[in-house]
Amino acid sequence: MFETQYNEEMEAEVKRLEAEKAAQGKRTLKITVIIGSPRGMKGNTGRLLKEVMAGVEEGAEIELFDLSAIGVTPCSGCEQCHKTGICNIKDDYQIIKESLLNSDAFILASPNYIFSVPAQLKALFDRSGNIVHCLKLEGKYAAVVETSGGGEDDEVIRYMVRFINSTGAQSVGSIASQGGAENAFPKQELLFENARKLGKELCRCVREKERFPDQAGYRGAFKARMKRLVEYRKDDWTEEYKYLQEHN
């Protein structure tokens, strides 16, 4: 009797997972793209980003935010976002945040500015304290696009991947290159082919709910650390404490 019941429950679970996977396959993916280059889509970072976007599956909804054209001012340190979940500064940040929260995946694109990202993108990262404290992008996937004039790309890529993991998301990979000239790169044909593969891989990871065990350790430790921090400040950071209570 119990064996029959167990088999029926297992069969029902298999059917449920198959139905979930089928529904996931039909759903339109939403992808948020953020470029932090002061030159916007006109520079080398924008050129490489276009190839990644070209690799994204047909029909996906892409929302592009060019930080050179919209306003994201530096964090003022008021802690309002920790208390209410909404930043007190009236600019375009909240629109970008909502896009990220409603997305399935996101792409971060940046040039190498003195071994880090430009001020435009750093301001966005700094304004994302509420997302980071609660790891509100958990379950989402991201990709990194990076360009440089003279190399040393790895440090910038690691920084952006660390930000991705600190939001709760998983990084599916990156594409990077030195710029040979204006909108031109060494081994350009192969580079662009790999860039389109990255866009495709991002969508595959969303569809198949890919897991990256090598990122799990950092993400788990960081989540535990943020939980302790928010619990310590629970009387002040009421929105974040409530969010973590509801999502744990």
Foldseek 3Di string as FASTA:
>chain_A
DVVVVVVVVVVVVVVVVVVVLVVLVPDAFEEEEEEQDLVFLQFQLVLLLVLLVVLADPRHHYHYDGLNPFDQDADPPPCVCLAPVDDPDPTCLVVSVVSLLPGQEYEYTAEQDPLEGDPSVVRSLRVCPLLLLQLSNANHEYEYEYEYAPDPCVSHRVVVQLSCLSSNYHYPYYAYFYAPDTNHGVVVVVSSVVSSVSSNSNSVCSSVVDDDVVSVVVSVVSNVVSLVVCVVVCVRSVVSPVSNVVVD
